[in-house]
Amino acid sequence: MADDPHVAYEKSLPRDEMALAILREAPLERLLLEGVESTYTSKARVQGDSLVVDTTDEANRKSSFSITGDASFEDASLNPFNFHLDSKWNGDYTVRHSDGRVETDRFRYTGGFWDNVSRQTYRANLSMSRIGADGNPVQTYTPAMSEVKIGPDGRAIPDANGQPMRIARAAGSAMNCDFQDTYSGGREYNCNYILNDPQMGTLSINETRKSYPAGQERRAVVRNEAGVPIAITSSWYKMDAEGNLTEATVSARRPQGFGK
């Protein structure tokens, strides 16, 4: 249907989510395994049925990957034959890296009614998994709930920046992405995950998503299993009129007060 707001996004949204997760891997891994803060810049384009992403690091080393596949979208329904209150996206993708690696990525999304203005749902359960050609996991993003860590005195335990320390627990089928109130009285769209990575271990990700006239931002606080912030990642990116990723700048750094 030409007037269906999902037509363009049925392909682009899942591919963009997978691409941004893949692009975060290199700078985060370099920070946590080598102790090096870095920034990677990428250009993306649709080529046939694939999203192709070309990336350059600070040493001008280049790499690329392509994402090919499809996702089925099912809108929220209230009819008596197919009654549900959530939109659903399910997709399986093949990712081919320029170094020869091949992986299968799975995208699973269940969300509330679609908002035509913000082009997203007000809440969602979103998970992603990356599996190598050998069948072993590359990365798994499991839906999580972020909870303030409470001390024996019943008060929130602060981190090095004086902010409440947070612990992630698996959300199951509960919504891990939703709008939350901020201290300034506004609202932000946050997504919480438990990231399992064979190299970096088990981490929690609290990601805040914002839209600006010049593009989109995803800022994530990455914590270890004890709830201590160990990294901040930032993803600035742009999309075309159909929601396809066109460029991204992704960085990872240590949080202020780290190691104190």
Protein backbone atom coordinates (compact mmCIF):
# COMPACT_ATOMS: atom_id res chain seq x y z
CA MET A 1 0.00 0.00 0.00
CA ALA A 2 1.47 3.31 -1.10
CA ASP A 3 0.15 5.18 1.96
CA ASP A 4 1.35 2.58 4.46
CA PRO A 5 4.04 4.26 6.65
CA HIS A 6 5.80 0.94 7.10
CA VAL A 7 6.49 0.18 3.43
CA ALA A 8 9.91 1.85 3.26
CA TYR A 9 10.88 0.92 6.79
CA GLU A 10 10.13 -2.80 6.61
CA LYS A 11 13.52 -3.27 4.96
CA SER A 12 15.50 -0.32 6.31
CA LEU A 13 14.80 -0.38 10.06
CA PRO A 14 16.09 -3.91 10.79
CA ARG A 15 19.13 -3.43 8.53
CA ASP A 16 19.95 -0.12 10.20
CA GLU A 17 19.71 -1.67 13.68
CA MET A 18 22.04 -4.51 12.69
CA ALA A 19 24.48 -2.15 10.95
CA LEU A 20 24.75 0.20 13.93
CA ALA A 21 25.35 -2.75 16.26
CA ILE A 22 28.13 -4.04 14.00
CA LEU A 23 29.70 -0.59 13.72
CA ARG A 24 29.84 -0.23 17.52
CA GLU A 25 31.80 -3.47 17.90
CA ALA A 26 35.23 -2.30 16.64
CA PRO A 27 35.67 0.91 18.71
CA LEU A 28 34.22 -0.72 21.83
CA GLU A 29 36.41 -3.79 21.48
CA ARG A 30 39.49 -1.66 20.89
CA LEU A 31 38.74 0.36 24.02
CA LEU A 32 38.05 -2.58 26.33
CA LEU A 33 40.74 -4.95 25.02
CA GLU A 34 43.50 -2.48 24.10
CA GLY A 35 42.65 0.57 26.19
CA VAL A 36 42.54 2.81 23.10
CA GLU A 37 39.83 5.42 22.51
CA SER A 38 38.94 5.66 18.83
CA THR A 39 36.51 6.97 16.22
CA TYR A 40 35.37 5.22 13.05
CA THR A 41 33.61 6.91 10.11
CA SER A 42 31.35 5.06 7.68
CA LYS A 43 29.42 5.64 4.48
CA ALA A 44 26.49 3.41 3.61
CA ARG A 45 24.45 2.82 0.47
CA VAL A 46 21.74 0.50 -0.80
CA GLN A 47 23.06 -1.76 -3.53
CA GLY A 48 20.43 -4.09 -4.96
CA ASP A 49 18.89 -5.92 -2.01
CA SER A 50 21.81 -5.15 0.30
CA LEU A 51 22.97 -2.36 2.57
CA VAL A 52 26.70 -1.87 1.98
CA VAL A 53 28.76 -0.08 4.63
CA ASP A 54 32.33 1.18 4.05
CA THR A 55 34.30 2.13 7.16
CA THR A 56 37.58 3.98 7.76
CA ASP A 57 39.42 4.09 11.10
CA GLU A 58 41.74 6.80 12.42
CA ALA A 59 44.75 5.14 10.77
CA ASN A 60 42.93 5.25 7.40
CA ARG A 61 42.48 1.47 7.41
CA LYS A 62 39.41 0.51 5.44
CA SER A 63 36.88 -2.27 5.82
CA SER A 64 33.37 -2.99 4.62
CA PHE A 65 30.41 -5.27 5.10
CA SER A 66 27.08 -5.91 3.42
CA ILE A 67 23.75 -6.89 4.97
CA THR A 68 21.35 -8.90 2.83
CA GLY A 69 18.02 -10.32 3.87
CA ASP A 70 14.41 -9.59 4.60
CA ALA A 71 12.17 -8.96 7.57
CA SER A 72 8.47 -9.63 7.78
CA PHE A 73 6.39 -6.88 9.36
CA GLU A 74 3.03 -7.43 11.02
CA ASP A 75 1.20 -4.33 12.21
CA ALA A 76 -0.71 -4.15 15.46
CA SER A 77 -4.16 -5.61 14.96
CA LEU A 78 -7.51 -5.56 16.68
CA ASN A 79 -9.44 -7.81 14.33
CA PRO A 80 -11.02 -10.94 15.83
CA PHE A 81 -9.03 -13.34 13.67
CA ASN A 82 -5.56 -12.01 14.48
CA PHE A 83 -5.86 -10.09 17.73
CA HIS A 84 -2.70 -8.49 19.11
CA LEU A 85 -1.71 -5.05 20.29
CA ASP A 86 1.90 -5.07 19.10
CA SER A 87 3.68 -4.55 15.82
CA LYS A 88 6.09 -7.37 15.00
CA TRP A 89 9.27 -7.50 12.93
CA ASN A 90 11.25 -10.71 12.36
CA GLY A 91 14.21 -10.91 10.03
CA ASP A 92 17.20 -13.10 9.20
CA TYR A 93 20.18 -11.55 7.44
CA THR A 94 23.47 -12.61 5.90
CA VAL A 95 26.40 -10.32 6.67
CA ARG A 96 29.52 -10.55 4.51
CA HIS A 97 32.67 -8.77 5.68
CA SER A 98 35.47 -7.64 3.40
CA ASP A 99 37.94 -9.87 5.29
CA GLY A 100 35.96 -12.96 4.30
CA ARG A 101 33.93 -13.47 7.47
CA VAL A 102 30.29 -14.41 7.01
CA GLU A 103 27.65 -14.32 9.71
CA THR A 104 23.91 -14.82 10.11
CA ASP A 105 22.13 -12.06 12.00
CA ARG A 106 18.70 -12.37 13.54
CA PHE A 107 16.47 -9.38 14.29
CA ARG A 108 13.43 -9.75 16.54
CA TYR A 109 11.14 -6.83 17.38
CA THR A 110 7.81 -6.60 19.16
CA GLY A 111 6.49 -3.10 19.82
CA GLY A 112 3.45 -1.00 20.54
CA PHE A 113 1.44 0.91 18.00
CA TRP A 114 3.56 2.66 15.34
CA ASP A 115 3.91 6.45 15.68
CA ASN A 116 3.94 8.07 12.24
CA VAL A 117 5.58 11.23 13.60
CA SER A 118 8.55 9.75 15.48
CA ARG A 119 8.71 6.76 13.08
CA GLN A 120 9.03 4.33 15.95
CA THR A 121 6.87 2.72 18.59
CA TYR A 122 6.51 4.14 22.09
CA ARG A 123 7.82 0.85 23.52
CA ALA A 124 9.44 -2.26 22.12
CA ASN A 125 11.12 -5.55 22.90
CA LEU A 126 14.12 -5.66 20.59
CA SER A 127 16.79 -8.35 20.36
CA MET A 128 19.60 -9.07 17.92
CA SER A 129 21.99 -11.98 17.54
CA ARG A 130 25.04 -12.42 15.33
CA ILE A 131 26.21 -15.96 14.57
CA GLY A 132 29.40 -16.84 12.71
CA ALA A 133 29.69 -19.31 9.84
CA ASP A 134 31.04 -21.86 12.36
CA GLY A 135 27.80 -21.65 14.33
CA ASN A 136 29.38 -19.83 17.27
CA PRO A 137 27.93 -16.55 18.56
CA VAL A 138 29.63 -13.32 17.53
CA GLN A 139 27.44 -11.04 19.64
CA THR A 140 24.03 -11.31 21.27
CA TYR A 141 21.90 -8.34 22.30
CA THR A 142 19.39 -9.63 24.87
CA PRO A 143 16.52 -7.37 26.03
CA ALA A 144 17.21 -6.07 29.54
CA MET A 145 15.78 -3.96 32.32
CA SER A 146 18.07 -1.42 34.00
CA GLU A 147 17.69 -1.24 37.78
CA VAL A 148 19.36 1.07 40.30
CA LYS A 149 21.79 -0.78 42.58
CA ILE A 150 20.72 -0.36 46.20
CA GLY A 151 23.11 -0.57 49.14
CA PRO A 152 22.52 -2.09 52.62
CA ASP A 153 21.24 1.29 53.83
CA GLY A 154 18.47 1.27 51.24
CA ARG A 155 20.03 4.07 49.23
CA ALA A 156 21.26 4.07 45.64
CA ILE A 157 24.96 3.28 45.29
CA PRO A 158 26.66 6.06 43.26
CA ASP A 159 29.22 5.48 40.53
CA ALA A 160 32.40 7.55 40.11
CA ASN A 161 30.36 10.39 38.58
CA GLY A 162 27.85 10.46 41.41
CA GLN A 163 25.13 8.88 39.29
CA PRO A 164 23.18 5.85 40.55
CA MET A 165 24.94 2.60 39.68
CA ARG A 166 22.76 0.32 37.56
CA ILE A 167 22.44 -3.42 37.18
CA ALA A 168 20.89 -5.08 34.14
CA ARG A 169 18.65 -8.10 34.32
CA ALA A 170 17.08 -10.02 31.46
CA ALA A 171 13.73 -8.52 30.44
CA GLY A 172 12.28 -11.63 28.84
CA SER A 173 9.26 -10.53 26.82
CA ALA A 174 8.98 -7.20 28.68
CA MET A 175 9.74 -4.00 26.78
CA ASN A 176 13.40 -2.98 26.84
CA CYS A 177 12.99 0.15 24.69
CA ASP A 178 10.67 2.96 25.78
CA PHE A 179 10.34 6.64 26.61
CA GLN A 180 11.55 7.56 30.10
CA ASP A 181 11.34 10.78 32.09
CA THR A 182 14.56 12.76 32.56
CA TYR A 183 15.76 14.82 35.49
CA SER A 184 15.17 17.99 33.43
CA GLY A 185 11.51 17.14 32.98
CA GLY A 186 11.75 15.93 29.39
CA ARG A 187 11.49 12.45 27.91
CA GLU A 188 14.08 10.30 26.18
CA TYR A 189 13.86 7.05 24.26
CA ASN A 190 16.09 4.47 25.97
CA CYS A 191 16.97 0.90 25.07
CA ASN A 192 18.59 -1.54 27.51
CA TYR A 193 20.47 -4.69 26.57
CA ILE A 194 22.71 -7.37 27.98
CA LEU A 195 25.51 -7.77 25.46
CA ASN A 196 27.24 -11.14 25.36
CA ASP A 197 30.48 -11.06 23.41
CA PRO A 198 33.11 -13.86 23.40
CA GLN A 199 35.94 -11.29 23.45
CA MET A 200 34.55 -8.59 25.74
CA GLY A 201 32.46 -10.78 28.05
CA THR A 202 29.04 -9.92 29.46
CA LEU A 203 28.19 -6.22 29.47
CA SER A 204 25.09 -4.09 29.94
CA ILE A 205 24.18 -1.31 27.54
CA ASN A 206 21.93 1.63 28.42
CA GLU A 207 21.37 3.45 25.13
CA THR A 208 19.69 6.84 24.74
CA ARG A 209 18.38 7.75 21.29
CA LYS A 210 17.85 11.34 20.13
CA SER A 211 16.81 13.00 16.90
CA TYR A 212 18.16 16.34 15.66
CA PRO A 213 17.60 18.33 12.46
CA ALA A 214 21.10 17.34 11.31
CA GLY A 215 20.84 13.64 12.13
CA GLN A 216 20.41 11.00 14.82
CA GLU A 217 22.43 10.15 17.94
CA ARG A 218 22.71 7.03 20.04
CA ARG A 219 24.74 7.44 23.22
CA ALA A 220 25.31 4.33 25.28
CA VAL A 221 26.69 3.79 28.77
CA VAL A 222 28.40 0.41 28.88
CA ARG A 223 28.71 -1.28 32.28
CA ASN A 224 30.34 -4.45 33.56
CA GLU A 225 28.40 -7.13 35.44
CA ALA A 226 28.95 -5.26 38.73
CA GLY A 227 27.18 -2.20 37.30
CA VAL A 228 30.33 -0.07 36.99
CA PRO A 229 30.45 2.21 33.88
CA ILE A 230 33.47 1.20 31.80
CA ALA A 231 32.78 2.84 28.42
CA ILE A 232 30.73 5.47 26.63
CA THR A 233 29.91 4.92 22.97
CA SER A 234 28.47 7.52 20.64
CA SER A 235 26.90 6.86 17.25
CA TRP A 236 26.03 9.86 15.10
CA TYR A 237 24.31 8.90 11.86
CA LYS A 238 22.08 10.01 9.01
CA MET A 239 19.43 8.27 6.94
CA ASP A 240 17.84 8.96 3.57
CA ALA A 241 14.15 9.68 2.99
CA GLU A 242 13.33 5.95 3.10
CA GLY A 243 15.13 5.36 6.38
CA ASN A 244 18.26 3.74 4.95
CA LEU A 245 21.52 4.43 6.78
CA THR A 246 23.77 6.74 4.72
CA GLU A 247 26.62 7.65 7.08
CA ALA A 248 27.77 7.12 10.65
CA THR A 249 30.50 8.25 13.03
CA VAL A 250 30.99 5.84 15.92
CA SER A 251 33.36 6.33 18.85
CA ALA A 252 34.17 4.77 22.21
CA ARG A 253 35.82 6.42 25.21
CA ARG A 254 36.24 5.90 28.92
CA PRO A 255 33.67 7.61 31.20
CA GLN A 256 34.73 10.52 33.38
CA GLY A 257 36.08 9.31 36.70
CA PHE A 258 36.95 5.86 35.34
CA GLY A 259 39.39 4.02 37.58
CA LYS A 260 38.88 6.32 40.59
